[in-house]
Protein backbone atom coordinates (compact mmCIF):
# COMPACT_ATOMS: atom_id res chain seq x y z
CA MET A 1 79.36 84.55 69.96
CA ARG A 2 76.55 86.71 71.28
CA SER A 3 78.09 86.77 74.76
CA LYS A 4 81.38 87.95 73.24
CA ARG A 5 79.62 90.80 71.48
CA VAL A 6 77.93 91.83 74.73
CA THR A 7 81.28 91.76 76.54
CA VAL A 8 82.93 93.92 73.88
CA ARG A 9 80.07 96.41 74.07
CA LYS A 10 80.41 96.62 77.84
CA VAL A 11 84.15 97.25 77.56
CA LEU A 12 83.61 99.94 74.94
CA SER A 13 80.92 101.65 77.01
CA ARG A 14 83.18 101.70 80.05
CA VAL A 15 86.09 103.11 78.08
CA VAL A 16 83.90 105.82 76.56
CA ALA A 17 82.56 106.69 80.01
CA ALA A 18 86.10 106.94 81.37
CA LEU A 19 87.06 109.19 78.47
CA ALA A 20 84.08 111.47 79.11
CA ALA A 21 84.90 111.65 82.82
CA THR A 22 88.53 112.50 82.04
CA VAL A 23 87.49 115.30 79.71
CA VAL A 24 85.15 116.75 82.35
CA VAL A 25 87.83 116.62 85.05
CA THR A 26 90.33 118.23 82.68
CA LEU A 27 87.97 121.12 82.01
CA LEU A 28 87.36 121.60 85.73
CA LEU A 29 91.05 121.58 86.68
CA PRO A 30 92.56 124.95 87.59
CA VAL A 31 94.66 126.63 84.96
CA ALA A 32 97.63 127.01 87.32
CA PRO A 33 99.06 124.82 90.07
CA ALA A 34 97.61 125.87 93.42
CA SER A 35 100.64 126.78 95.50
CA ALA A 36 101.19 130.00 97.44
CA HIS A 37 104.61 131.65 97.52
CA GLY A 38 106.45 132.15 100.81
CA GLN A 39 104.19 129.52 102.36
CA LEU A 40 104.48 127.92 105.77
CA ALA A 41 106.79 124.91 105.53
CA THR A 42 106.72 123.57 109.09
CA SER A 43 106.32 124.69 112.68
CA THR A 44 107.32 123.93 116.26
CA PRO A 45 105.05 122.58 117.60
CA LEU A 46 103.54 120.87 114.58
CA LYS A 47 99.88 121.29 113.73
CA GLY A 48 97.62 118.86 115.58
CA THR A 49 100.24 117.72 118.10
CA VAL A 50 100.09 117.74 121.91
CA VAL A 51 102.41 120.03 123.89
CA ARG A 52 103.13 118.92 127.46
CA GLU A 53 105.75 121.46 128.50
CA PRO A 54 105.33 125.28 128.59
CA LEU A 55 107.24 126.70 125.63
CA THR A 56 108.60 130.22 125.68
CA GLN A 57 108.39 130.58 121.89
CA LEU A 58 106.64 129.08 118.89
CA ALA A 59 108.58 128.77 115.63
CA LEU A 60 106.82 129.16 112.27
CA TYR A 61 109.11 128.30 109.33
CA PHE A 62 108.40 129.81 105.89
CA THR A 63 110.06 129.29 102.50
CA GLU A 64 111.21 132.92 102.61
CA LYS A 65 111.59 135.54 105.34
CA PRO A 66 108.24 136.96 106.46
CA ALA A 67 107.57 140.62 105.80
CA SER A 68 108.89 142.99 108.43
CA ASN A 69 105.33 144.08 109.25
CA ALA A 70 103.94 140.55 109.34
CA HIS A 71 101.33 139.86 112.01
CA PHE A 72 101.38 136.90 114.42
CA ALA A 73 98.97 136.07 117.22
CA ILE A 74 98.47 133.16 119.64
CA SER A 75 95.04 132.58 121.19
CA GLY A 76 94.28 130.35 124.19
CA PRO A 77 91.29 128.09 124.84
CA ASP A 78 89.11 131.03 125.91
CA GLY A 79 90.07 133.13 122.86
CA SER A 80 92.32 135.56 124.74
CA ARG A 81 95.74 136.26 123.25
CA VAL A 82 98.94 135.09 124.91
CA ASP A 83 101.53 136.26 122.36
CA ASN A 84 104.13 138.85 123.25
CA GLY A 85 105.75 139.94 119.97
CA TRP A 86 107.89 138.12 117.42
CA SER A 87 111.34 138.22 115.86
CA TYR A 88 113.30 136.55 113.07
CA GLY A 89 115.01 133.30 113.94
CA GLU A 90 117.92 131.32 112.58
CA PRO A 91 117.15 129.59 109.25
CA LYS A 92 117.35 125.80 109.20
CA ARG A 93 117.33 123.07 106.59
CA LEU A 94 113.91 121.51 106.16
CA ASP A 95 113.44 117.80 106.71
CA LYS A 96 111.12 117.74 103.68
CA PRO A 97 111.64 120.21 100.79
CA VAL A 98 108.72 122.40 99.73
CA THR A 99 107.73 122.92 96.08
CA GLU A 100 106.35 126.25 94.86
CA TYR A 101 105.44 127.34 91.32
CA PHE A 102 106.42 130.48 89.43
CA MET A 103 105.32 131.53 85.96
CA VAL A 104 108.22 131.85 83.53
CA ASN A 105 107.44 132.78 79.91
CA GLY A 106 103.85 131.58 80.23
CA VAL A 107 104.78 128.24 81.82
CA PHE A 108 104.58 127.37 85.52
CA GLU A 109 108.02 126.32 86.68
CA PRO A 110 108.43 124.38 89.95
CA ARG A 111 111.09 125.45 92.42
CA LEU A 112 112.23 123.30 95.31
CA TYR A 113 113.01 125.00 98.65
CA HIS A 114 115.20 123.31 101.26
CA THR A 115 115.51 126.11 103.84
CA GLY A 116 112.96 127.33 106.37
CA PHE A 117 113.00 130.93 107.64
CA PRO A 118 111.39 131.17 111.07
CA ALA A 119 109.31 133.75 112.83
CA MET A 120 109.80 133.22 116.57
CA VAL A 121 106.59 134.17 118.37
CA THR A 122 106.97 134.70 122.13
CA VAL A 123 104.40 133.10 124.43
CA ALA A 124 103.74 135.28 127.49
CA HIS A 125 102.14 132.51 129.57
CA TRP A 126 100.02 129.37 129.44
CA PRO A 127 96.81 130.16 131.31
CA ALA A 128 95.07 126.79 130.90
CA LYS A 129 95.05 123.44 129.20
CA GLY A 130 93.24 123.12 125.89
CA ARG A 131 93.50 124.10 122.25
CA TYR A 132 95.75 126.98 121.19
CA THR A 133 95.88 128.63 117.79
CA ALA A 134 98.81 130.48 116.25
CA SER A 135 97.68 132.63 113.30
CA TYR A 136 99.85 134.51 110.83
CA LEU A 137 99.50 137.08 108.04
CA SER A 138 102.30 138.25 105.77
CA VAL A 139 102.98 139.17 102.14
CA ALA A 140 105.43 137.21 99.99
CA SER A 141 108.10 138.80 97.80
CA ASP A 142 105.83 138.43 94.75
CA GLY A 143 102.95 140.29 96.41
CA GLU A 144 100.80 137.28 97.31
CA ALA A 145 99.20 137.10 100.76
CA VAL A 146 100.53 134.44 103.13
CA ARG A 147 98.00 133.59 105.81
CA GLY A 148 96.93 130.63 107.88
CA GLU A 149 97.00 129.13 111.35
CA VAL A 150 98.52 126.29 113.34
CA THR A 151 96.41 124.65 116.06
CA PHE A 152 97.70 122.32 118.78
CA ASP A 153 96.64 120.96 122.15
CA TYR A 154 98.38 122.10 125.33
CA GLN A 155 98.34 119.67 128.25
CA GLY A 156 101.16 121.07 130.35
CA ARG A 157 101.12 122.99 133.60
CA GLY A 158 99.73 126.51 133.74
CA THR A 159 102.07 129.47 134.03
CA ALA A 160 101.48 133.00 135.29
CA ALA A 161 101.64 136.09 133.10
CA PRO A 162 104.70 138.36 133.44
CA ALA A 163 104.36 141.33 135.77
CA GLY A 164 102.81 144.29 134.04
CA TRP A 165 101.94 142.31 130.89
CA SER A 166 98.57 142.78 129.24
CA ALA A 167 97.05 140.78 126.41
CA PRO A 168 97.66 142.49 123.05
CA THR A 169 94.66 143.73 121.12
CA ALA A 170 96.29 145.30 118.05
CA GLY A 171 95.49 143.77 114.69
CA PRO A 172 97.55 143.65 111.49
CA ASP A 173 99.16 146.82 110.17
CA PRO A 174 96.83 148.68 107.72
CA ALA A 175 99.55 148.69 105.04
CA LEU A 176 99.92 144.92 105.44
CA LEU A 177 96.17 144.44 105.09
CA ALA A 178 96.15 146.59 101.95
CA GLN A 179 98.92 144.51 100.40
CA ALA A 180 97.27 141.24 101.42
CA GLU A 181 94.02 142.32 99.77
CA GLY A 182 95.88 143.18 96.53
CA GLU A 183 95.74 146.98 96.83
CA GLY A 184 98.82 148.61 95.42
CA SER A 185 100.64 145.30 94.92
CA THR A 186 101.86 143.75 91.71
CA ASN A 187 101.39 140.08 91.00
CA PRO A 188 104.14 138.80 88.69
CA ALA A 189 102.18 135.65 87.91
CA ALA A 190 99.55 137.79 86.18
CA SER A 191 101.78 140.42 84.58
CA GLY A 192 104.87 138.38 83.86
CA SER A 193 106.96 141.06 85.57
CA PRO A 194 109.25 140.17 88.49
CA ASP A 195 108.16 143.24 90.47
CA GLY A 196 107.58 142.97 94.21
CA PRO A 197 104.81 144.52 96.33
CA THR A 198 106.37 147.98 96.18
CA GLY A 199 106.74 147.99 92.38
CA ALA A 200 110.54 147.78 92.55
CA PRO A 201 112.30 144.82 90.98
CA ALA A 202 112.20 142.06 93.50
CA SER A 203 115.34 140.12 94.34
CA PRO A 204 115.08 136.33 94.42
CA PRO A 205 113.49 135.05 97.63
CA ALA A 206 115.81 134.36 100.54
CA GLY A 207 117.33 130.92 100.19
CA ALA A 208 117.18 131.04 96.39
CA ALA A 209 120.77 129.83 96.27
CA GLU A 210 119.61 126.49 97.66
CA GLU A 211 116.53 126.02 95.51
CA GLN A 212 116.52 123.58 92.63
CA ARG A 213 114.73 124.42 89.41
CA ASP A 214 113.09 121.68 87.43
CA THR A 215 112.23 121.83 83.74
CA GLY A 216 109.07 123.84 83.17
CA PHE A 217 106.01 122.05 81.86
CA PRO A 218 102.59 123.27 80.77
CA ALA A 219 99.88 122.87 83.40
CA TRP A 220 97.63 121.01 80.94
CA LEU A 221 100.23 118.41 79.92
CA ILE A 222 99.24 115.65 82.39
CA PRO A 223 95.46 115.83 81.69
CA ALA A 224 96.19 115.86 77.95
CA LEU A 225 98.29 112.70 78.25
CA ILE A 226 95.45 111.00 80.13
CA VAL A 227 92.96 111.92 77.41
CA VAL A 228 95.27 110.65 74.66
CA THR A 229 95.84 107.36 76.51
CA VAL A 230 92.11 106.73 76.94
CA ALA A 231 91.48 107.62 73.28
CA VAL A 232 94.08 105.05 72.18
CA LEU A 233 92.36 102.40 74.29
CA VAL A 234 89.05 103.21 72.60
CA LEU A 235 90.58 102.88 69.12
CA VAL A 236 92.25 99.56 69.98
CA ALA A 237 89.02 98.13 71.37
CA ALA A 238 87.08 99.33 68.31
CA ARG A 239 89.51 97.64 65.94
CA ARG A 240 89.41 94.32 67.80
CA ARG A 241 85.62 94.14 67.63
CA PRO A 242 85.23 93.80 63.81
CA ALA A 243 88.22 91.45 63.74
CA GLU A 244 86.42 89.08 66.10
CA ARG A 245 83.25 89.24 63.98
CA GLY A 246 85.13 88.35 60.80
CA ALA A 247 86.97 85.44 62.42
CA SER A 248 83.93 83.45 63.53
CA PRO A 249 82.19 83.08 60.10
CA SER A 250 85.44 82.03 58.46
CA GLY A 251 85.75 79.35 61.08
CA ARG A 252 82.35 77.99 60.17
CA ARG A 253 82.91 77.91 56.37
CA PRO A 254 85.35 74.94 56.30
CA ALA A 255 82.87 72.82 58.23
CA GLY A 256 80.10 73.70 55.76
CA ALA A 257 82.32 73.09 52.78
CA ALA A 258 83.35 69.75 54.20
CA GLY A 259 79.72 68.85 54.72
CA ARG A 260 78.78 69.73 51.21
CA GLY A 261 81.80 67.89 49.86
CA GLY A 262 80.84 64.78 51.81
CA ALA A 263 77.30 64.96 50.47
CA ALA A 264 78.59 65.27 46.90
CA ALA A 265 80.83 62.27 47.41
CA ARG A 266 77.97 60.22 48.68
CA THR A 267 75.82 61.37 45.75
CA SER A 268 78.45 60.41 43.21
CA ALA A 269 78.90 57.02 44.85
CA ASN A 270 75.23 56.13 44.70
CA PRO A 271 74.91 56.10 40.87
CA THR A 272 77.88 53.76 40.70
CA ARG A 273 76.18 51.31 42.96
CA LYS A 274 72.91 51.61 40.99
CA THR A 275 74.70 51.10 37.65
CA GLY A 276 76.36 48.02 38.96
CA ASN A 277 73.05 46.64 40.12
CA ARG A 278 71.42 47.20 36.74
CA THR A 279 74.31 45.55 34.92
CA GLY A 280 74.23 42.60 37.19
CA GLY A 281 70.49 42.27 36.75
CA SER A 282 70.64 42.23 32.98
CA GLY A 283 73.34 39.58 33.12
CA ARG A 284 71.26 37.37 35.28
CA ARG A 285 68.32 37.83 32.93
CA GLY A 286 70.53 36.88 29.96
CA ARG A 287 71.63 33.61 31.60
CA ARG A 288 68.04 32.68 32.19
């Protein structure tokens, strides 16, 4: 019985610890889903892959068309740039849809994007084997900055630079930098207004006709369900514990009652035997 009590206490302590950990994690979770708008969906070549043939262009596919003043750069193993401008490419259907979140009436609503909109970045030449990095900076239709990089390993043959070409040194457009840093841009997720970076009503992102909208759900719903589930487990375990305590004494009472009943039966039988002995004794004395 004592071992059962110890086991129940261990289970309860573990459940309570799990509940406390869940509450802490819930409090530390971000208020909103972390997902940028107009994000990079895929690229050619893919990040971390090995390229063995000299490509003339790199393709970076986004969930919406990059801004017209977006900045793209490709750096070689020695840090020098090998890009030679960029242009819009032909949209294509993504092999794996991308989910982004938008706030609608105070609730983050997921939207599924199936189309990628490419920026085709021209590669002037491949000076050497090694690691190359393609970096990008743009601003999405909702005013959020879109930035990142794609690194890959080049193991193909070296190619010469075009005649009269020089490595570019220009950085991002100042207006693009101002928008990326949040100056003069409007964030609809904070204001609830569907205004774009210029303050004019923004049209739905390119490819919106193909996106699928799921039912909105509060960001705290999943952690709350976890907390409720753990709390139910605690209550169930707490109710089972007193039930087990009450069952063991009741199991012992019938044995005790039977023991006392047997003793009483033996006690009542003894006087009968003694009475018979006395009666028989007096009879024998009478015959004498």
